[in-house]
Amino acid sequence: MLCLTCHRVRPALNRKDYTAERAWLIVRRGLCACRATHRPVDAGGDAGRQVRSPK
């Protein structure tokens, strides 16, 4: 639950992650701002698809 870089609470990945313990840790330690290292992987969407630029 804690970021290994800044030692703050990482962003939640789903609704089940929102608990009283998580809220308490966010108040005590803060929320992680290391976005580049903890982005969730896209489970579908545009992964592997070429995107055309508008003409």
PDB file of N, CA and C in Angstrom:
ATOM      1  N   MET A   1       0.817  -1.189   0.000  1.00  0.00           N
ATOM      2  CA  MET A   1       0.000   0.000   0.000  1.00  0.00           C
ATOM      3  C   MET A   1       0.866   1.261   0.000  1.00  0.00           C
ATOM      4  N   LEU A   2       2.091   1.186   0.525  1.00  0.00           N
ATOM      5  CA  LEU A   2       2.972   2.359   0.558  1.00  0.00           C
ATOM      6  C   LEU A   2       3.941   2.339  -0.621  1.00  0.00           C
ATOM      7  N   CYS A   3       4.218   3.511  -1.140  1.00  0.00           N
ATOM      8  CA  CYS A   3       5.181   3.669  -2.229  1.00  0.00           C
ATOM      9  C   CYS A   3       6.588   3.409  -1.693  1.00  0.00           C
ATOM     10  N   LEU A   4       7.366   2.654  -2.437  1.00  0.00           N
ATOM     11  CA  LEU A   4       8.727   2.348  -2.005  1.00  0.00           C
ATOM     12  C   LEU A   4       9.669   3.538  -2.203  1.00  0.00           C
ATOM     13  N   THR A   5       9.268   4.520  -3.003  1.00  0.00           N
ATOM     14  CA  THR A   5      10.098   5.691  -3.266  1.00  0.00           C
ATOM     15  C   THR A   5       9.871   6.799  -2.239  1.00  0.00           C
ATOM     16  N   CYS A   6       8.605   7.218  -2.089  1.00  0.00           N
ATOM     17  CA  CYS A   6       8.309   8.363  -1.208  1.00  0.00           C
ATOM     18  C   CYS A   6       7.704   7.951   0.134  1.00  0.00           C
ATOM     19  N   HIS A   7       7.373   6.662   0.300  1.00  0.00           N
ATOM     20  CA  HIS A   7       6.802   6.114   1.540  1.00  0.00           C
ATOM     21  C   HIS A   7       5.446   6.723   1.888  1.00  0.00           C
ATOM     22  N   ARG A   8       4.712   7.122   0.854  1.00  0.00           N
ATOM     23  CA  ARG A   8       3.338   7.600   1.031  1.00  0.00           C
ATOM     24  C   ARG A   8       2.389   6.564   0.453  1.00  0.00           C
ATOM     25  N   VAL A   9       1.093   6.777   0.630  1.00  0.00           N
ATOM     26  CA  VAL A   9       0.085   5.823   0.174  1.00  0.00           C
ATOM     27  C   VAL A   9      -0.086   5.930  -1.345  1.00  0.00           C
ATOM     28  N   ARG A  10       0.058   4.779  -2.028  1.00  0.00           N
ATOM     29  CA  ARG A  10      -0.112   4.747  -3.480  1.00  0.00           C
ATOM     30  C   ARG A  10      -1.577   4.943  -3.843  1.00  0.00           C
ATOM     31  N   PRO A  11      -1.861   5.453  -5.044  1.00  0.00           N
ATOM     32  CA  PRO A  11      -3.258   5.595  -5.489  1.00  0.00           C
ATOM     33  C   PRO A  11      -3.963   4.239  -5.541  1.00  0.00           C
ATOM     34  N   ALA A  12      -5.245   4.244  -5.242  1.00  0.00           N
ATOM     35  CA  ALA A  12      -6.037   3.015  -5.251  1.00  0.00           C
ATOM     36  C   ALA A  12      -6.246   2.539  -6.686  1.00  0.00           C
ATOM     37  N   LEU A  13      -6.266   1.240  -6.872  1.00  0.00           N
ATOM     38  CA  LEU A  13      -6.492   0.665  -8.196  1.00  0.00           C
ATOM     39  C   LEU A  13      -7.956   0.283  -8.416  1.00  0.00           C
ATOM     40  N   ASN A  14      -8.705   0.068  -7.329  1.00  0.00           N
ATOM     41  CA  ASN A  14     -10.123  -0.253  -7.462  1.00  0.00           C
ATOM     42  C   ASN A  14     -10.874   0.175  -6.208  1.00  0.00           C
ATOM     43  N   ARG A  15     -12.180   0.023  -6.232  1.00  0.00           N
ATOM     44  CA  ARG A  15     -13.027   0.481  -5.124  1.00  0.00           C
ATOM     45  C   ARG A  15     -12.773  -0.266  -3.820  1.00  0.00           C
ATOM     46  N   LYS A  16     -12.353  -1.511  -3.910  1.00  0.00           N
ATOM     47  CA  LYS A  16     -12.112  -2.317  -2.706  1.00  0.00           C
ATOM     48  C   LYS A  16     -10.917  -1.809  -1.909  1.00  0.00           C
ATOM     49  N   ASP A  17     -10.058  -1.020  -2.537  1.00  0.00           N
ATOM     50  CA  ASP A  17      -8.878  -0.481  -1.852  1.00  0.00           C
ATOM     51  C   ASP A  17      -9.212   0.654  -0.889  1.00  0.00           C
ATOM     52  N   TYR A  18     -10.396   1.242  -1.016  1.00  0.00           N
ATOM     53  CA  TYR A  18     -10.771   2.354  -0.146  1.00  0.00           C
ATOM     54  C   TYR A  18     -11.266   1.825   1.201  1.00  0.00           C
ATOM     55  N   THR A  19     -10.387   1.838   2.198  1.00  0.00           N
ATOM     56  CA  THR A  19     -10.715   1.327   3.535  1.00  0.00           C
ATOM     57  C   THR A  19     -10.415   2.402   4.574  1.00  0.00           C
ATOM     58  N   ALA A  20     -10.875   2.166   5.799  1.00  0.00           N
ATOM     59  CA  ALA A  20     -10.594   3.092   6.892  1.00  0.00           C
ATOM     60  C   ALA A  20      -9.085   3.155   7.163  1.00  0.00           C
ATOM     61  N   GLU A  21      -8.414   2.011   7.066  1.00  0.00           N
ATOM     62  CA  GLU A  21      -6.964   1.975   7.275  1.00  0.00           C
ATOM     63  C   GLU A  21      -6.237   2.830   6.237  1.00  0.00           C
ATOM     64  N   ARG A  22      -6.688   2.742   4.980  1.00  0.00           N
ATOM     65  CA  ARG A  22      -6.082   3.528   3.901  1.00  0.00           C
ATOM     66  C   ARG A  22      -6.279   5.030   4.156  1.00  0.00           C
ATOM     67  N   ALA A  23      -7.480   5.415   4.560  1.00  0.00           N
ATOM     68  CA  ALA A  23      -7.761   6.825   4.858  1.00  0.00           C
ATOM     69  C   ALA A  23      -6.873   7.326   5.997  1.00  0.00           C
ATOM     70  N   TRP A  24      -6.715   6.520   7.018  1.00  0.00           N
ATOM     71  CA  TRP A  24      -5.875   6.894   8.151  1.00  0.00           C
ATOM     72  C   TRP A  24      -4.427   7.078   7.706  1.00  0.00           C
ATOM     73  N   LEU A  25      -3.923   6.158   6.863  1.00  0.00           N
ATOM     74  CA  LEU A  25      -2.552   6.275   6.360  1.00  0.00           C
ATOM     75  C   LEU A  25      -2.360   7.519   5.487  1.00  0.00           C
ATOM     76  N   ILE A  26      -3.359   7.858   4.679  1.00  0.00           N
ATOM     77  CA  ILE A  26      -3.265   9.058   3.844  1.00  0.00           C
ATOM     78  C   ILE A  26      -3.170  10.302   4.723  1.00  0.00           C
ATOM     79  N   VAL A  27      -3.964  10.341   5.786  1.00  0.00           N
ATOM     80  CA  VAL A  27      -3.903  11.484   6.709  1.00  0.00           C
ATOM     81  C   VAL A  27      -2.540  11.551   7.394  1.00  0.00           C
ATOM     82  N   ARG A  28      -2.020  10.411   7.813  1.00  0.00           N
ATOM     83  CA  ARG A  28      -0.732  10.377   8.520  1.00  0.00           C
ATOM     84  C   ARG A  28       0.470  10.596   7.614  1.00  0.00           C
ATOM     85  N   ARG A  29       0.490   9.968   6.438  1.00  0.00           N
ATOM     86  CA  ARG A  29       1.676   9.973   5.580  1.00  0.00           C
ATOM     87  C   ARG A  29       1.523  10.795   4.309  1.00  0.00           C
ATOM     88  N   GLY A  30       0.288  11.003   3.839  1.00  0.00           N
ATOM     89  CA  GLY A  30       0.060  11.714   2.590  1.00  0.00           C
ATOM     90  C   GLY A  30      -0.129  10.743   1.431  1.00  0.00           C
ATOM     91  N   LEU A  31      -0.516  11.302   0.295  1.00  0.00           N
ATOM     92  CA  LEU A  31      -0.775  10.508  -0.897  1.00  0.00           C
ATOM     93  C   LEU A  31       0.424  10.572  -1.832  1.00  0.00           C
ATOM     94  N   CYS A  32       0.806   9.459  -2.405  1.00  0.00           N
ATOM     95  CA  CYS A  32       1.959   9.359  -3.308  1.00  0.00           C
ATOM     96  C   CYS A  32       1.758  10.262  -4.522  1.00  0.00           C
ATOM     97  N   ALA A  33       2.809  10.969  -4.898  1.00  0.00           N
ATOM     98  CA  ALA A  33       2.777  11.834  -6.081  1.00  0.00           C
ATOM     99  C   ALA A  33       3.737  11.330  -7.150  1.00  0.00           C
ATOM    100  N   CYS A  34       4.216  10.101  -7.011  1.00  0.00           N
ATOM    101  CA  CYS A  34       5.147   9.500  -7.980  1.00  0.00           C
ATOM    102  C   CYS A  34       4.347   8.850  -9.101  1.00  0.00           C
ATOM    103  N   ARG A  35       3.591   9.612  -9.860  1.00  0.00           N
ATOM    104  CA  ARG A  35       2.671   9.078 -10.862  1.00  0.00           C
ATOM    105  C   ARG A  35       3.344   8.193 -11.903  1.00  0.00           C
ATOM    106  N   ALA A  36       4.485   8.578 -12.397  1.00  0.00           N
ATOM    107  CA  ALA A  36       5.121   7.853 -13.500  1.00  0.00           C
ATOM    108  C   ALA A  36       5.467   6.405 -13.144  1.00  0.00           C
ATOM    109  N   THR A  37       5.772   6.135 -11.897  1.00  0.00           N
ATOM    110  CA  THR A  37       6.203   4.789 -11.522  1.00  0.00           C
ATOM    111  C   THR A  37       5.055   3.880 -11.112  1.00  0.00           C
ATOM    112  N   HIS A  38       3.848   4.398 -10.871  1.00  0.00           N
ATOM    113  CA  HIS A  38       2.761   3.570 -10.344  1.00  0.00           C
ATOM    114  C   HIS A  38       1.514   3.593 -11.203  1.00  0.00           C
ATOM    115  N   ARG A  39       1.633   3.932 -12.491  1.00  0.00           N
ATOM    116  CA  ARG A  39       0.447   3.976 -13.333  1.00  0.00           C
ATOM    117  C   ARG A  39      -0.072   2.564 -13.573  1.00  0.00           C
ATOM    118  N   PRO A  40      -1.372   2.354 -13.416  1.00  0.00           N
ATOM    119  CA  PRO A  40      -1.929   1.030 -13.681  1.00  0.00           C
ATOM    120  C   PRO A  40      -1.848   0.700 -15.169  1.00  0.00           C
ATOM    121  N   VAL A  41      -1.700  -0.580 -15.488  1.00  0.00           N
ATOM    122  CA  VAL A  41      -1.623  -1.018 -16.873  1.00  0.00           C
ATOM    123  C   VAL A  41      -3.008  -1.005 -17.473  1.00  0.00           C
ATOM    124  N   ASP A  42      -3.127  -0.497 -18.695  1.00  0.00           N
ATOM    125  CA  ASP A  42      -4.400  -0.451 -19.396  1.00  0.00           C
ATOM    126  C   ASP A  42      -4.840  -1.873 -19.730  1.00  0.00           C
ATOM    127  N   ALA A  43      -6.012  -2.265 -19.294  1.00  0.00           N
ATOM    128  CA  ALA A  43      -6.482  -3.626 -19.491  1.00  0.00           C
ATOM    129  C   ALA A  43      -7.137  -3.841 -20.851  1.00  0.00           C
ATOM    130  N   GLY A  44      -7.170  -2.855 -21.668  1.00  0.00           N
ATOM    131  CA  GLY A  44      -7.795  -2.976 -22.989  1.00  0.00           C
ATOM    132  C   GLY A  44      -7.622  -1.661 -23.704  1.00  0.00           C
ATOM    133  N   GLY A  45      -8.713  -1.115 -24.143  1.00  0.00           N
ATOM    134  CA  GLY A  45      -8.670   0.218 -24.737  1.00  0.00           C
ATOM    135  C   GLY A  45      -7.799   0.306 -25.968  1.00  0.00           C
ATOM    136  N   ASP A  46      -6.829   1.213 -25.964  1.00  0.00           N
ATOM    137  CA  ASP A  46      -6.000   1.487 -27.130  1.00  0.00           C
ATOM    138  C   ASP A  46      -4.676   0.741 -27.122  1.00  0.00           C
ATOM    139  N   ALA A  47      -4.492  -0.222 -26.261  1.00  0.00           N
ATOM    140  CA  ALA A  47      -3.227  -0.933 -26.180  1.00  0.00           C
ATOM    141  C   ALA A  47      -2.942  -1.675 -27.474  1.00  0.00           C
ATOM    142  N   GLY A  48      -1.802  -1.384 -28.084  1.00  0.00           N
ATOM    143  CA  GLY A  48      -1.396  -2.067 -29.303  1.00  0.00           C
ATOM    144  C   GLY A  48      -2.087  -1.600 -30.566  1.00  0.00           C
ATOM    145  N   ARG A  49      -2.927  -0.602 -30.471  1.00  0.00           N
ATOM    146  CA  ARG A  49      -3.656  -0.104 -31.623  1.00  0.00           C
ATOM    147  C   ARG A  49      -3.029   1.182 -32.120  1.00  0.00           C
ATOM    148  N   GLN A  50      -2.900   1.318 -33.447  1.00  0.00           N
ATOM    149  CA  GLN A  50      -2.350   2.566 -33.993  1.00  0.00           C
ATOM    150  C   GLN A  50      -3.444   3.617 -33.956  1.00  0.00           C
ATOM    151  N   VAL A  51      -3.047   4.825 -33.556  1.00  0.00           N
ATOM    152  CA  VAL A  51      -3.989   5.928 -33.497  1.00  0.00           C
ATOM    153  C   VAL A  51      -3.635   6.904 -34.592  1.00  0.00           C
ATOM    154  N   ARG A  52      -4.625   7.217 -35.440  1.00  0.00           N
ATOM    155  CA  ARG A  52      -4.398   8.159 -36.539  1.00  0.00           C
ATOM    156  C   ARG A  52      -4.532   9.584 -36.030  1.00  0.00           C
ATOM    157  N   SER A  53      -3.676  10.452 -36.526  1.00  0.00           N
ATOM    158  CA  SER A  53      -3.799  11.862 -36.162  1.00  0.00           C
ATOM    159  C   SER A  53      -4.834  12.506 -37.074  1.00  0.00           C
ATOM    160  N   PRO A  54      -5.592  13.473 -36.533  1.00  0.00           N
ATOM    161  CA  PRO A  54      -6.631  14.128 -37.337  1.00  0.00           C
ATOM    162  C   PRO A  54      -5.996  14.932 -38.473  1.00  0.00           C
ATOM    163  N   LYS A  55      -6.671  14.931 -39.623  1.00  0.00           N
ATOM    164  CA  LYS A  55      -6.141  15.654 -40.793  1.00  0.00           C
ATOM    165  C   LYS A  55      -6.774  17.001 -40.945  1.00  0.00           C
TER     166      LYS A  55
END
